N, C-alpha and C. Protein backbone atom coordinates (compact mmCIF):
# COMPACT_ATOMS: atom_id res chain seq x y z
N MET A 1 -21.39 49.87 2.39
CA MET A 1 -20.92 48.30 3.28
C MET A 1 -21.04 48.95 4.36
N GLY A 2 -20.26 48.16 5.36
CA GLY A 2 -21.23 48.56 7.05
C GLY A 2 -19.42 48.14 7.21
N PHE A 3 -18.99 48.19 8.82
CA PHE A 3 -17.97 47.59 8.59
C PHE A 3 -17.52 46.70 9.28
N LEU A 4 -18.73 45.53 9.21
CA LEU A 4 -17.91 44.06 9.36
C LEU A 4 -18.03 44.02 7.68
N GLU A 5 -18.69 43.99 6.94
CA GLU A 5 -18.87 43.82 6.04
C GLU A 5 -16.68 43.73 5.05
N VAL A 6 -16.13 44.38 5.32
CA VAL A 6 -15.35 44.21 4.38
C VAL A 6 -13.66 43.13 5.69
N PRO A 7 -14.29 42.96 6.36
CA PRO A 7 -13.62 42.44 7.25
C PRO A 7 -14.17 40.34 6.77
N LEU A 8 -14.88 40.45 7.14
CA LEU A 8 -15.73 39.41 6.90
C LEU A 8 -15.81 38.64 4.97
N ILE A 9 -14.93 39.43 4.96
CA ILE A 9 -15.31 39.37 2.62
C ILE A 9 -14.03 38.97 1.94
N LEU A 10 -13.51 39.60 3.52
CA LEU A 10 -11.16 39.70 3.42
C LEU A 10 -11.04 37.82 3.99
N LEU A 11 -12.52 37.63 5.00
CA LEU A 11 -11.98 36.69 5.77
C LEU A 11 -11.84 35.40 4.96
N PHE A 12 -13.33 35.84 4.17
CA PHE A 12 -14.04 34.34 3.57
C PHE A 12 -13.57 34.74 1.71
N VAL A 13 -12.83 35.38 1.68
CA VAL A 13 -12.04 35.52 0.44
C VAL A 13 -10.80 35.20 0.25
N ILE A 14 -10.15 35.45 1.39
CA ILE A 14 -8.57 34.63 1.52
C ILE A 14 -8.51 34.40 1.76
N VAL A 15 -7.99 34.61 3.85
CA VAL A 15 -8.25 33.30 5.13
C VAL A 15 -8.33 32.13 4.95
N ILE A 16 -10.09 32.13 4.87
CA ILE A 16 -10.46 31.03 5.11
C ILE A 16 -9.54 29.72 3.54
N PRO A 17 -9.79 30.53 2.07
CA PRO A 17 -8.96 29.86 1.49
C PRO A 17 -7.76 29.26 1.37
N ILE A 18 -6.30 30.21 1.92
CA ILE A 18 -4.80 28.90 2.62
C ILE A 18 -5.78 28.06 3.26
N ALA A 19 -6.13 28.71 4.81
CA ALA A 19 -5.63 27.33 5.99
C ALA A 19 -6.29 26.36 5.31
N LEU A 20 -7.16 26.39 4.39
CA LEU A 20 -8.16 24.84 3.74
C LEU A 20 -6.38 24.12 3.00
N ILE A 21 -6.36 24.63 1.96
CA ILE A 21 -5.12 24.45 0.94
C ILE A 21 -3.99 23.58 2.39
N GLY A 22 -3.39 24.70 3.18
CA GLY A 22 -2.75 24.60 3.73
C GLY A 22 -2.99 22.94 5.00
N HIS A 23 -4.68 23.67 5.09
CA HIS A 23 -5.06 22.57 5.78
C HIS A 23 -4.26 20.99 5.11
N TYR A 24 -5.11 20.71 3.64
CA TYR A 24 -5.65 19.83 3.22
C TYR A 24 -4.61 18.81 3.29
N ALA A 25 -3.28 20.07 2.74
CA ALA A 25 -1.13 19.63 1.60
C ALA A 25 -1.01 19.04 3.36
N THR A 26 -1.80 19.08 3.91
CA THR A 26 -0.94 19.21 4.96
C THR A 26 -0.91 17.14 6.01
N GLU A 27 -2.00 17.37 5.35
CA GLU A 27 -3.10 15.83 5.71
C GLU A 27 -2.91 14.83 4.14
N MET A 28 -2.23 16.20 3.11
CA MET A 28 -1.67 14.45 1.87
C MET A 28 -0.34 14.48 2.31
N LYS A 29 0.26 15.16 2.93
CA LYS A 29 1.99 14.51 2.77
C LYS A 29 1.59 13.72 3.96
N LYS A 30 1.00 13.19 5.26
CA LYS A 30 0.20 12.96 6.01
C LYS A 30 0.57 11.53 5.16
N ALA A 31 -0.48 11.11 4.75
CA ALA A 31 -0.88 10.26 3.86
C ALA A 31 0.53 9.48 2.94
N LYS A 32 0.65 10.20 2.41
CA LYS A 32 1.81 9.95 1.56
C LYS A 32 2.88 8.43 2.11
N GLY A 33 2.58 8.60 3.15
CA GLY A 33 4.24 8.13 4.04
C GLY A 33 3.22 6.11 4.35
N LEU A 34 4.25 5.65 4.12
CA LEU A 34 3.44 4.12 4.81
C LEU A 34 3.49 4.71 7.32
N THR A 35 3.07 3.88 7.54
CA THR A 35 2.38 3.91 8.77
C THR A 35 3.45 2.85 9.09
N ALA A 36 3.66 2.71 10.16
CA ALA A 36 4.83 1.73 10.71
C ALA A 36 4.16 0.78 11.26
N GLN A 37 2.18 0.03 11.14
CA GLN A 37 1.70 -0.33 11.42
C GLN A 37 1.55 -1.04 9.34
N ASP A 38 1.86 -0.66 8.18
CA ASP A 38 1.63 -0.86 7.25
C ASP A 38 3.46 -2.03 6.39
N GLU A 39 4.41 -1.40 7.18
CA GLU A 39 5.63 -1.90 7.30
C GLU A 39 5.85 -2.92 7.94
N ALA A 40 5.10 -3.30 8.62
CA ALA A 40 5.28 -4.80 9.79
C ALA A 40 4.65 -5.39 8.99
N THR A 41 3.61 -5.10 9.08
CA THR A 41 2.79 -5.85 7.22
C THR A 41 3.19 -6.39 6.69
N LEU A 42 4.08 -5.40 5.63
CA LEU A 42 4.42 -6.29 4.20
C LEU A 42 5.97 -6.81 4.77
N ASP A 43 6.34 -6.42 5.65
CA ASP A 43 7.28 -7.05 5.85
C ASP A 43 6.29 -8.96 6.33
N ASP A 44 6.26 -8.91 7.21
CA ASP A 44 5.69 -10.11 7.38
C ASP A 44 4.75 -10.71 6.56
N LEU A 45 4.27 -9.92 5.27
CA LEU A 45 3.93 -11.23 4.33
C LEU A 45 5.27 -10.78 3.46
N ARG A 46 5.55 -10.65 3.39
CA ARG A 46 6.73 -11.40 3.04
C ARG A 46 8.19 -12.34 2.79
N ARG A 47 8.54 -11.45 4.79
CA ARG A 47 8.22 -13.57 5.31
C ARG A 47 7.32 -14.40 4.38
N LEU A 48 5.59 -14.60 5.12
CA LEU A 48 5.30 -14.78 4.82
C LEU A 48 5.45 -16.04 2.94
N SER A 49 5.93 -15.66 1.91
CA SER A 49 6.34 -15.48 0.70
C SER A 49 7.58 -16.10 1.07
N GLU A 50 8.39 -15.72 1.96
CA GLU A 50 10.14 -16.07 1.50
C GLU A 50 9.68 -18.00 1.85
N LYS A 51 8.84 -17.75 2.75
CA LYS A 51 8.27 -19.15 3.69
C LYS A 51 7.40 -20.02 2.69
N LEU A 52 6.60 -19.67 1.90
CA LEU A 52 5.40 -20.40 0.49
C LEU A 52 6.90 -20.94 -0.61
N GLU A 53 7.19 -19.32 -0.91
CA GLU A 53 8.46 -19.81 -1.75
C GLU A 53 9.52 -21.31 -1.29
N ASP A 54 10.13 -21.22 -0.42
CA ASP A 54 10.52 -22.12 0.29
C ASP A 54 9.61 -23.97 0.87
N ARG A 55 8.62 -23.89 0.58
CA ARG A 55 8.00 -25.03 1.20
C ARG A 55 7.02 -25.42 -1.06
N LEU A 56 7.33 -24.25 -1.25
CA LEU A 56 7.11 -25.06 -2.24
C LEU A 56 8.07 -25.70 -3.39
N GLU A 57 9.29 -24.81 -3.25
CA GLU A 57 10.93 -25.45 -3.70
C GLU A 57 10.93 -26.73 -3.15
N THR A 58 10.35 -26.86 -1.99
CA THR A 58 10.64 -28.77 -0.72
C THR A 58 8.96 -29.29 -2.18
N LEU A 59 8.81 -28.64 -2.13
CA LEU A 59 8.09 -30.00 -2.36
C LEU A 59 8.54 -30.03 -4.14
N GLU A 60 8.52 -29.54 -4.70
CA GLU A 60 8.91 -29.39 -6.50
C GLU A 60 9.72 -30.36 -6.05
N ARG A 61 11.50 -30.48 -6.24
CA ARG A 61 12.47 -31.61 -4.88
C ARG A 61 11.57 -32.78 -4.98
N ILE A 62 11.10 -32.69 -3.88
CA ILE A 62 10.44 -34.59 -3.36
C ILE A 62 9.48 -35.13 -4.93
N LEU A 63 8.34 -33.99 -5.32
CA LEU A 63 8.14 -34.39 -6.57
C LEU A 63 8.63 -35.16 -7.80
N ASP A 64 9.85 -33.90 -7.75
CA ASP A 64 10.82 -34.80 -8.46
C ASP A 64 11.75 -36.00 -8.39
N ASP A 65 11.88 -36.22 -7.00
CA ASP A 65 13.19 -37.24 -6.96
C ASP A 65 11.12 -38.68 -7.13
N GLU A 66 9.97 -38.66 -6.17
CA GLU A 66 9.81 -39.72 -6.60
C GLU A 66 8.26 -39.91 -7.95
N VAL A 67 7.74 -38.53 -8.63
CA VAL A 67 7.77 -38.98 -9.72
C VAL A 67 8.59 -38.20 -10.66
N PRO A 68 9.42 -38.10 -11.54
CA PRO A 68 10.61 -37.61 -12.41
C PRO A 68 9.62 -36.91 -13.33
N ASP A 69 8.81 -37.28 -14.02
CA ASP A 69 8.09 -36.68 -15.44
C ASP A 69 6.66 -36.26 -15.23
N TRP A 70 6.65 -35.61 -13.91
CA TRP A 70 5.15 -35.16 -13.13
C TRP A 70 6.12 -33.69 -13.61
N ARG A 71 6.22 -33.41 -14.06
CA ARG A 71 6.22 -31.86 -15.08
C ARG A 71 5.60 -32.43 -16.28
N SER A 72 6.30 -32.65 -16.94
CA SER A 72 5.57 -32.99 -18.96
C SER A 72 3.68 -33.80 -18.42
N ARG A 73 3.93 -34.05 -17.65
CA ARG A 73 3.12 -34.88 -17.38
C ARG A 73 0.74 -33.40 -17.60
N ARG A 74 1.98 -33.60 -16.50
CA ARG A 74 1.17 -31.52 -15.79
C ARG A 74 0.58 -30.87 -16.65
N HIS A 75 1.77 -30.58 -17.45
CA HIS A 75 1.57 -30.39 -18.90
C HIS A 75 1.38 -30.81 -19.80
N ASP A 76 0.71 -31.83 -20.57
CA ASP A 76 -0.40 -32.15 -21.14
C ASP A 76 -2.13 -32.54 -21.07
N THR A 77 -1.42 -32.73 -19.58
CA THR A 77 -3.26 -31.93 -18.87
C THR A 77 -3.93 -30.74 -19.38
N LEU A 78 -2.79 -30.20 -19.58
CA LEU A 78 -3.48 -28.62 -19.46
C LEU A 78 -4.38 -27.98 -21.07
């Protein structure tokens, strides 16, 4: 074996695999959490769903007042 073969073998067998494992372990840890943009999007979606729920409840109250038997009629047609 030549003078450079042993260090090259050690580099490819030990150093590079350890560096790759460390790099990808760090990347996976970063990817686990939500970003600030993800959290903001989720918060927007939560607020939107609450608004839609309020609108649905309002619509049901109006229908209850205007057409008292609308719920039973809807189930009859299904």
